[in-house]
C-alpha atoms as a PDB file:
ATOM      1  CA  UNK A   1      43.748 -63.644-174.082  1.00  0.00           C
ATOM      2  CA  UNK A   2      42.388 -63.818-177.596  1.00  0.00           C
ATOM      3  CA  UNK A   3      40.594 -66.928-178.781  1.00  0.00           C
ATOM      4  CA  UNK A   4      42.983 -69.008-180.897  1.00  0.00           C
ATOM      5  CA  UNK A   5      40.080 -69.810-183.222  1.00  0.00           C
ATOM      6  CA  UNK A   6      40.056 -66.194-184.392  1.00  0.00           C
ATOM      7  CA  UNK A   7      43.501 -66.554-185.968  1.00  0.00           C
ATOM      8  CA  UNK A   8      45.079 -68.467-188.810  1.00  0.00           C
ATOM      9  CA  UNK A   9      48.840 -68.659-189.305  1.00  0.00           C
ATOM     10  CA  UNK A  10      49.911 -67.427-192.744  1.00  0.00           C
ATOM     11  CA  UNK A  11      53.337 -67.719-194.328  1.00  0.00           C
ATOM     12  CA  UNK A  12      54.149 -64.383-195.958  1.00  0.00           C
ATOM     13  CA  UNK A  13      56.201 -63.824-199.112  1.00  0.00           C
ATOM     14  CA  UNK A  14      59.532 -63.607-197.280  1.00  0.00           C
ATOM     15  CA  UNK A  15      58.901 -66.902-195.478  1.00  0.00           C
ATOM     16  CA  UNK A  16      58.050 -65.428-192.083  1.00  0.00           C
ATOM     17  CA  UNK A  17      54.715 -65.980-190.373  1.00  0.00           C
ATOM     18  CA  UNK A  18      51.892 -63.611-189.632  1.00  0.00           C
ATOM     19  CA  UNK A  19      48.395 -64.100-188.266  1.00  0.00           C
ATOM     20  CA  UNK A  20      45.099 -63.567-190.058  1.00  0.00           C
ATOM     21  CA  UNK A  21      42.342 -62.136-187.847  1.00  0.00           C
ATOM     22  CA  UNK A  22      39.078 -63.618-189.097  1.00  0.00           C
ATOM     23  CA  UNK A  23      36.712 -61.059-187.554  1.00  0.00           C
ATOM     24  CA  UNK A  24      38.632 -58.044-188.877  1.00  0.00           C
ATOM     25  CA  UNK A  25      39.543 -59.808-192.135  1.00  0.00           C
ATOM     26  CA  UNK A  26      43.053 -58.462-191.654  1.00  0.00           C
ATOM     27  CA  UNK A  27      46.589 -59.767-191.141  1.00  0.00           C
ATOM     28  CA  UNK A  28      48.893 -58.627-188.337  1.00  0.00           C
ATOM     29  CA  UNK A  29      51.703 -57.966-190.813  1.00  0.00           C
ATOM     30  CA  UNK A  30      52.112 -57.489-194.544  1.00  0.00           C
ATOM     31  CA  UNK A  31      51.467 -60.549-196.694  1.00  0.00           C
ATOM     32  CA  UNK A  32      54.422 -59.340-198.767  1.00  0.00           C
ATOM     33  CA  UNK A  33      56.706 -60.186-195.836  1.00  0.00           C
ATOM     34  CA  UNK A  34      56.079 -59.848-192.116  1.00  0.00           C
ATOM     35  CA  UNK A  35      59.767 -59.747-191.221  1.00  0.00           C
ATOM     36  CA  UNK A  36      60.840 -57.371-193.987  1.00  0.00           C
ATOM     37  CA  UNK A  37      57.998 -54.976-193.158  1.00  0.00           C
ATOM     38  CA  UNK A  38      58.937 -54.806-189.467  1.00  0.00           C
ATOM     39  CA  UNK A  39      62.621 -54.387-190.269  1.00  0.00           C
ATOM     40  CA  UNK A  40      61.981 -51.648-192.832  1.00  0.00           C
ATOM     41  CA  UNK A  41      59.324 -49.594-191.046  1.00  0.00           C
ATOM     42  CA  UNK A  42      60.160 -49.929-187.365  1.00  0.00           C
ATOM     43  CA  UNK A  43      63.807 -50.976-187.093  1.00  0.00           C
ATOM     44  CA  UNK A  44      65.510 -49.208-190.027  1.00  0.00           C
ATOM     45  CA  UNK A  45      63.312 -46.105-190.314  1.00  0.00           C
ATOM     46  CA  UNK A  46      62.540 -46.027-186.594  1.00  0.00           C
ATOM     47  CA  UNK A  47      65.226 -47.323-184.236  1.00  0.00           C
ATOM     48  CA  UNK A  48      68.292 -47.201-186.502  1.00  0.00           C
ATOM     49  CA  UNK A  49      67.320 -43.803-187.899  1.00  0.00           C
ATOM     50  CA  UNK A  50      66.938 -42.433-184.370  1.00  0.00           C
ATOM     51  CA  UNK A  51      70.294 -43.875-183.272  1.00  0.00           C
ATOM     52  CA  UNK A  52      72.030 -42.392-186.319  1.00  0.00           C
ATOM     53  CA  UNK A  53      70.832 -38.919-185.302  1.00  0.00           C
ATOM     54  CA  UNK A  54      71.092 -39.131-181.515  1.00  0.00           C
ATOM     55  CA  UNK A  55      73.793 -40.187-179.069  1.00  0.00           C
ATOM     56  CA  UNK A  56      71.928 -41.642-176.089  1.00  0.00           C
ATOM     57  CA  UNK A  57      72.447 -44.454-173.618  1.00  0.00           C
ATOM     58  CA  UNK A  58      68.762 -45.243-173.003  1.00  0.00           C
ATOM     59  CA  UNK A  59      65.864 -45.076-175.472  1.00  0.00           C
ATOM     60  CA  UNK A  60      62.239 -44.980-174.368  1.00  0.00           C
ATOM     61  CA  UNK A  61      59.956 -46.617-176.936  1.00  0.00           C
ATOM     62  CA  UNK A  62      56.170 -46.924-177.043  1.00  0.00           C
ATOM     63  CA  UNK A  63      54.558 -49.467-179.364  1.00  0.00           C
ATOM     64  CA  UNK A  64      50.876 -49.381-180.262  1.00  0.00           C
ATOM     65  CA  UNK A  65      49.891 -52.934-181.139  1.00  0.00           C
ATOM     66  CA  UNK A  66      52.237 -55.452-179.476  1.00  0.00           C
ATOM     67  CA  UNK A  67      50.534 -58.297-181.369  1.00  0.00           C
ATOM     68  CA  UNK A  68      52.924 -61.149-182.109  1.00  0.00           C
ATOM     69  CA  UNK A  69      55.818 -59.321-180.460  1.00  0.00           C
ATOM     70  CA  UNK A  70      57.841 -59.201-183.687  1.00  0.00           C
ATOM     71  CA  UNK A  71      58.708 -55.492-183.452  1.00  0.00           C
ATOM     72  CA  UNK A  72      59.685 -55.821-179.795  1.00  0.00           C
ATOM     73  CA  UNK A  73      61.815 -58.896-180.472  1.00  0.00           C
ATOM     74  CA  UNK A  74      63.633 -57.274-183.406  1.00  0.00           C
ATOM     75  CA  UNK A  75      64.273 -54.229-181.208  1.00  0.00           C
ATOM     76  CA  UNK A  76      65.644 -56.445-178.446  1.00  0.00           C
ATOM     77  CA  UNK A  77      67.837 -58.258-180.975  1.00  0.00           C
ATOM     78  CA  UNK A  78      69.208 -54.924-182.272  1.00  0.00           C
ATOM     79  CA  UNK A  79      70.304 -53.924-178.766  1.00  0.00           C
ATOM     80  CA  UNK A  80      72.519 -57.014-178.552  1.00  0.00           C
ATOM     81  CA  UNK A  81      74.780 -55.468-181.201  1.00  0.00           C
ATOM     82  CA  UNK A  82      74.843 -51.984-179.655  1.00  0.00           C
ATOM     83  CA  UNK A  83      75.769 -50.443-176.319  1.00  0.00           C
ATOM     84  CA  UNK A  84      72.298 -49.055-175.598  1.00  0.00           C
ATOM     85  CA  UNK A  85      69.416 -49.771-173.265  1.00  0.00           C
ATOM     86  CA  UNK A  86      65.769 -49.891-174.256  1.00  0.00           C
ATOM     87  CA  UNK A  87      62.802 -49.170-172.007  1.00  0.00           C
ATOM     88  CA  UNK A  88      59.964 -50.606-174.087  1.00  0.00           C
ATOM     89  CA  UNK A  89      56.335 -49.807-173.267  1.00  0.00           C
ATOM     90  CA  UNK A  90      53.746 -51.515-175.444  1.00  0.00           C
ATOM     91  CA  UNK A  91      49.984 -51.648-175.641  1.00  0.00           C
ATOM     92  CA  UNK A  92      47.747 -54.551-176.617  1.00  0.00           C
ATOM     93  CA  UNK A  93      43.991 -54.747-176.123  1.00  0.00           C
ATOM     94  CA  UNK A  94      43.766 -58.492-176.787  1.00  0.00           C
ATOM     95  CA  UNK A  95      46.974 -60.396-175.978  1.00  0.00           C
ATOM     96  CA  UNK A  96      47.613 -63.557-177.949  1.00  0.00           C
ATOM     97  CA  UNK A  97      47.896 -66.905-176.201  1.00  0.00           C
ATOM     98  CA  UNK A  98      51.308 -68.453-175.730  1.00  0.00           C
ATOM     99  CA  UNK A  99      50.043 -71.463-177.712  1.00  0.00           C
ATOM    100  CA  UNK A 100      49.594 -69.191-180.739  1.00  0.00           C
ATOM    101  CA  UNK A 101      52.951 -67.470-180.198  1.00  0.00           C
ATOM    102  CA  UNK A 102      54.733 -70.832-180.021  1.00  0.00           C
ATOM    103  CA  UNK A 103      53.587 -71.675-183.553  1.00  0.00           C
ATOM    104  CA  UNK A 104      55.312 -68.646-185.118  1.00  0.00           C
ATOM    105  CA  UNK A 105      58.586 -69.197-186.969  1.00  0.00           C
ATOM    106  CA  UNK A 106      60.480 -65.949-186.294  1.00  0.00           C
ATOM    107  CA  UNK A 107      63.476 -67.580-184.626  1.00  0.00           C
ATOM    108  CA  UNK A 108      63.799 -70.226-187.325  1.00  0.00           C
ATOM    109  CA  UNK A 109      63.464 -67.753-190.146  1.00  0.00           C
ATOM    110  CA  UNK A 110      66.074 -65.402-188.676  1.00  0.00           C
ATOM    111  CA  UNK A 111      68.480 -68.375-188.483  1.00  0.00           C
ATOM    112  CA  UNK A 112      69.020 -67.463-184.862  1.00  0.00           C
ATOM    113  CA  UNK A 113      67.359 -70.243-182.920  1.00  0.00           C
ATOM    114  CA  UNK A 114      70.063 -70.458-180.325  1.00  0.00           C
ATOM    115  CA  UNK A 115      69.327 -70.881-176.654  1.00  0.00           C
ATOM    116  CA  UNK A 116      69.957 -67.240-175.747  1.00  0.00           C
ATOM    117  CA  UNK A 117      67.550 -65.729-178.287  1.00  0.00           C
ATOM    118  CA  UNK A 118      64.970 -68.433-177.791  1.00  0.00           C
ATOM    119  CA  UNK A 119      64.987 -67.851-174.033  1.00  0.00           C
ATOM    120  CA  UNK A 120      64.722 -64.069-174.485  1.00  0.00           C
ATOM    121  CA  UNK A 121      61.831 -64.452-176.935  1.00  0.00           C
ATOM    122  CA  UNK A 122      59.979 -66.754-174.558  1.00  0.00           C
ATOM    123  CA  UNK A 123      60.705 -64.561-171.542  1.00  0.00           C
ATOM    124  CA  UNK A 124      59.313 -61.525-173.353  1.00  0.00           C
ATOM    125  CA  UNK A 125      56.051 -63.341-174.083  1.00  0.00           C
ATOM    126  CA  UNK A 126      55.696 -65.123-170.743  1.00  0.00           C
ATOM    127  CA  UNK A 127      56.476 -62.176-168.464  1.00  0.00           C
ATOM    128  CA  UNK A 128      53.747 -60.421-166.505  1.00  0.00           C
ATOM    129  CA  UNK A 129      51.532 -57.794-168.024  1.00  0.00           C
ATOM    130  CA  UNK A 130      51.144 -54.318-166.502  1.00  0.00           C
ATOM    131  CA  UNK A 131      54.526 -54.383-164.776  1.00  0.00           C
ATOM    132  CA  UNK A 132      58.123 -53.584-165.715  1.00  0.00           C
ATOM    133  CA  UNK A 133      60.173 -56.711-166.444  1.00  0.00           C
ATOM    134  CA  UNK A 134      63.899 -56.843-167.198  1.00  0.00           C
ATOM    135  CA  UNK A 135      64.439 -59.227-170.113  1.00  0.00           C
ATOM    136  CA  UNK A 136      68.215 -58.791-170.199  1.00  0.00           C
ATOM    137  CA  UNK A 137      70.774 -56.099-169.310  1.00  0.00           C
ATOM    138  CA  UNK A 138      69.804 -54.071-172.382  1.00  0.00           C
ATOM    139  CA  UNK A 139      66.045 -54.466-172.631  1.00  0.00           C
ATOM    140  CA  UNK A 140      63.160 -53.964-170.191  1.00  0.00           C
ATOM    141  CA  UNK A 141      59.501 -54.160-171.161  1.00  0.00           C
ATOM    142  CA  UNK A 142      56.140 -53.009-169.795  1.00  0.00           C
ATOM    143  CA  UNK A 143      53.293 -54.807-171.577  1.00  0.00           C
ATOM    144  CA  UNK A 144      50.091 -52.868-171.028  1.00  0.00           C
ATOM    145  CA  UNK A 145      46.804 -54.714-171.547  1.00  0.00           C
ATOM    146  CA  UNK A 146      44.383 -51.940-172.474  1.00  0.00           C
ATOM    147  CA  UNK A 147      42.628 -50.239-175.371  1.00  0.00           C
ATOM    148  CA  UNK A 148      44.347 -47.300-177.016  1.00  0.00           C
ATOM    149  CA  UNK A 149      41.237 -45.142-176.921  1.00  0.00           C
ATOM    150  CA  UNK A 150      41.158 -45.488-173.100  1.00  0.00           C
ATOM    151  CA  UNK A 151      44.765 -44.384-172.626  1.00  0.00           C
ATOM    152  CA  UNK A 152      45.696 -40.833-171.607  1.00  0.00           C
ATOM    153  CA  UNK A 153      49.064 -39.130-171.768  1.00  0.00           C
ATOM    154  CA  UNK A 154      49.126 -39.049-167.954  1.00  0.00           C
ATOM    155  CA  UNK A 155      48.709 -42.829-167.786  1.00  0.00           C
ATOM    156  CA  UNK A 156      51.635 -43.359-170.154  1.00  0.00           C
ATOM    157  CA  UNK A 157      53.865 -40.857-168.370  1.00  0.00           C
ATOM    158  CA  UNK A 158      53.214 -42.569-165.053  1.00  0.00           C
ATOM    159  CA  UNK A 159      54.688 -45.727-166.577  1.00  0.00           C
ATOM    160  CA  UNK A 160      57.580 -44.295-168.564  1.00  0.00           C
ATOM    161  CA  UNK A 161      59.732 -41.249-169.146  1.00  0.00           C
ATOM    162  CA  UNK A 162      58.708 -39.217-172.206  1.00  0.00           C
ATOM    163  CA  UNK A 163      59.207 -41.286-175.343  1.00  0.00           C
ATOM    164  CA  UNK A 164      61.980 -40.977-177.905  1.00  0.00           C
ATOM    165  CA  UNK A 165      60.364 -43.265-180.452  1.00  0.00           C
ATOM    166  CA  UNK A 166      56.857 -44.491-181.250  1.00  0.00           C
ATOM    167  CA  UNK A 167      56.021 -47.615-183.245  1.00  0.00           C
ATOM    168  CA  UNK A 168      52.421 -47.144-184.402  1.00  0.00           C
ATOM    169  CA  UNK A 169      51.387 -50.616-185.571  1.00  0.00           C
ATOM    170  CA  UNK A 170      47.638 -50.767-185.026  1.00  0.00           C
ATOM    171  CA  UNK A 171      45.391 -52.584-187.488  1.00  0.00           C
ATOM    172  CA  UNK A 172      44.820 -50.642-190.708  1.00  0.00           C
ATOM    173  CA  UNK A 173      42.803 -47.382-190.692  1.00  0.00           C
ATOM    174  CA  UNK A 174      40.005 -48.911-192.769  1.00  0.00           C
ATOM    175  CA  UNK A 175      39.660 -51.718-190.181  1.00  0.00           C
ATOM    176  CA  UNK A 176      39.944 -49.653-186.984  1.00  0.00           C
ATOM    177  CA  UNK A 177      39.536 -45.972-187.956  1.00  0.00           C
ATOM    178  CA  UNK A 178      38.916 -45.001-184.323  1.00  0.00           C
ATOM    179  CA  UNK A 179      42.604 -45.618-183.571  1.00  0.00           C
ATOM    180  CA  UNK A 180      43.954 -43.278-186.271  1.00  0.00           C
ATOM    181  CA  UNK A 181      42.428 -39.984-185.158  1.00  0.00           C
ATOM    182  CA  UNK A 182      43.792 -36.550-184.318  1.00  0.00           C
ATOM    183  CA  UNK A 183      42.733 -37.091-180.703  1.00  0.00           C
ATOM    184  CA  UNK A 184      44.711 -40.349-180.426  1.00  0.00           C
ATOM    185  CA  UNK A 185      47.771 -38.840-182.074  1.00  0.00           C
ATOM    186  CA  UNK A 186      47.585 -35.759-179.827  1.00  0.00           C
ATOM    187  CA  UNK A 187      47.603 -38.017-176.754  1.00  0.00           C
ATOM    188  CA  UNK A 188      50.752 -39.705-178.047  1.00  0.00           C
ATOM    189  CA  UNK A 189      52.297 -36.365-179.086  1.00  0.00           C
ATOM    190  CA  UNK A 190      51.958 -35.150-175.500  1.00  0.00           C
ATOM    191  CA  UNK A 191      54.036 -38.101-174.223  1.00  0.00           C
ATOM    192  CA  UNK A 192      56.970 -37.502-176.596  1.00  0.00           C
ATOM    193  CA  UNK A 193      60.201 -35.568-176.223  1.00  0.00           C
ATOM    194  CA  UNK A 194      60.983 -32.757-178.637  1.00  0.00           C
ATOM    195  CA  UNK A 195      62.902 -34.294-181.524  1.00  0.00           C
ATOM    196  CA  UNK A 196      61.312 -37.711-181.076  1.00  0.00           C
ATOM    197  CA  UNK A 197      59.683 -39.566-183.971  1.00  0.00           C
ATOM    198  CA  UNK A 198      56.753 -41.826-184.730  1.00  0.00           C
ATOM    199  CA  UNK A 199      56.848 -44.345-187.568  1.00  0.00           C
ATOM    200  CA  UNK A 200      53.962 -46.248-189.117  1.00  0.00           C
ATOM    201  CA  UNK A 201      53.366 -48.410-192.171  1.00  0.00           C
ATOM    202  CA  UNK A 202      50.265 -46.446-193.208  1.00  0.00           C
ATOM    203  CA  UNK A 203      50.574 -43.475-195.579  1.00  0.00           C
ATOM    204  CA  UNK A 204      46.874 -42.733-196.101  1.00  0.00           C
ATOM    205  CA  UNK A 205      45.917 -39.113-196.614  1.00  0.00           C
ATOM    206  CA  UNK A 206      43.580 -39.141-193.614  1.00  0.00           C
ATOM    207  CA  UNK A 207      46.401 -40.397-191.397  1.00  0.00           C
ATOM    208  CA  UNK A 208      48.769 -37.676-192.630  1.00  0.00           C
ATOM    209  CA  UNK A 209      46.165 -34.994-191.952  1.00  0.00           C
ATOM    210  CA  UNK A 210      45.400 -36.312-188.461  1.00  0.00           C
ATOM    211  CA  UNK A 211      49.096 -36.415-187.578  1.00  0.00           C
ATOM    212  CA  UNK A 212      49.600 -32.843-188.747  1.00  0.00           C
ATOM    213  CA  UNK A 213      46.555 -31.649-186.846  1.00  0.00           C
ATOM    214  CA  UNK A 214      48.054 -33.254-183.719  1.00  0.00           C
ATOM    215  CA  UNK A 215      51.229 -31.197-184.167  1.00  0.00           C
ATOM    216  CA  UNK A 216      53.629 -33.490-186.022  1.00  0.00           C
ATOM    217  CA  UNK A 217      55.964 -32.766-188.912  1.00  0.00           C
ATOM    218  CA  UNK A 218      55.028 -35.519-191.343  1.00  0.00           C
ATOM    219  CA  UNK A 219      57.361 -37.043-193.913  1.00  0.00           C
ATOM    220  CA  UNK A 220      56.460 -39.637-196.507  1.00  0.00           C
ATOM    221  CA  UNK A 221      59.183 -42.268-196.928  1.00  0.00           C
ATOM    222  CA  UNK A 222      59.655 -45.208-199.264  1.00  0.00           C
ATOM    223  CA  UNK A 223      57.580 -48.099-198.001  1.00  0.00           C
ATOM    224  CA  UNK A 224      58.439 -51.759-197.501  1.00  0.00           C
ATOM    225  CA  UNK A 225      58.008 -54.283-200.293  1.00  0.00           C
ATOM    226  CA  UNK A 226      54.419 -54.130-201.521  1.00  0.00           C
ATOM    227  CA  UNK A 227      53.776 -50.549-200.335  1.00  0.00           C
ATOM    228  CA  UNK A 228      54.875 -47.347-202.079  1.00  0.00           C
ATOM    229  CA  UNK A 229      55.104 -45.248-198.930  1.00  0.00           C
ATOM    230  CA  UNK A 230      55.171 -45.197-195.127  1.00  0.00           C
ATOM    231  CA  UNK A 231      55.119 -42.237-192.728  1.00  0.00           C
ATOM    232  CA  UNK A 232      57.550 -40.725-190.260  1.00  0.00           C
ATOM    233  CA  UNK A 233      56.207 -38.021-187.932  1.00  0.00           C
ATOM    234  CA  UNK A 234      58.482 -35.839-185.810  1.00  0.00           C
ATOM    235  CA  UNK A 235      57.672 -33.714-182.780  1.00  0.00           C
ATOM    236  CA  UNK A 236      59.235 -30.277-183.023  1.00  0.00           C
ATOM    237  CA  UNK A 237      58.455 -26.913-181.463  1.00  0.00           C
ATOM    238  CA  UNK A 238      57.913 -25.155-184.801  1.00  0.00           C
ATOM    239  CA  UNK A 239      56.020 -27.368-187.210  1.00  0.00           C
ATOM    240  CA  UNK A 240      53.635 -25.129-189.160  1.00  0.00           C
ATOM    241  CA  UNK A 241      55.876 -24.488-192.179  1.00  0.00           C
ATOM    242  CA  UNK A 242      57.769 -27.760-192.233  1.00  0.00           C
ATOM    243  CA  UNK A 243      55.155 -30.373-193.151  1.00  0.00           C
ATOM    244  CA  UNK A 244      55.602 -31.783-196.622  1.00  0.00           C
ATOM    245  CA  UNK A 245      52.844 -31.547-199.206  1.00  0.00           C
END
């Protein structure tokens, strides 16, 4: 578990919390709104966009950077309004302590601090790492404690079916450039189904180039509040002529 002294709780512009990592000099979410960023990038442009284009009963998701669990929790919450099941694999090199998690205000800010959601949120954070755990009838999670650069496509495919959707939510490329490389993206590409997508908040030119070199069709989308753009990257068989400029 990470040392609590490395983190400070920050209230972002939309009222929701994030954490500031003192060593990296970086926040876990946008200071312009942790909740609105996660909803815009990962839920609306990731999960909802995928559901609008595909009729499936079960979705296999892989998240890079479990962090505070906000993306996973919002995904779980979305399933409660839909007749779908989520198999959610996530990766975190340095899991946060439950003491830190308990100080976050996500349930309060979503105006949903009822017993059901509170219990699901706590169960998601308290469940074992490196094992599949059923959180409810719609959502199962495998929290993997490992570094992304040590993960191979074979390791991921031993845990899960090929992925439909990737949430790439690592710390920013200028803080951890080793996680935003062609090699990393190619590993992830090899775990994905044809037609699956990856979404990320970063729209840096180096990230776009690395994604394309790994085989993705890359699209630049409108970003969340405070950012002009974000990226969506799709795995298709023929990609050479379809990447945007």
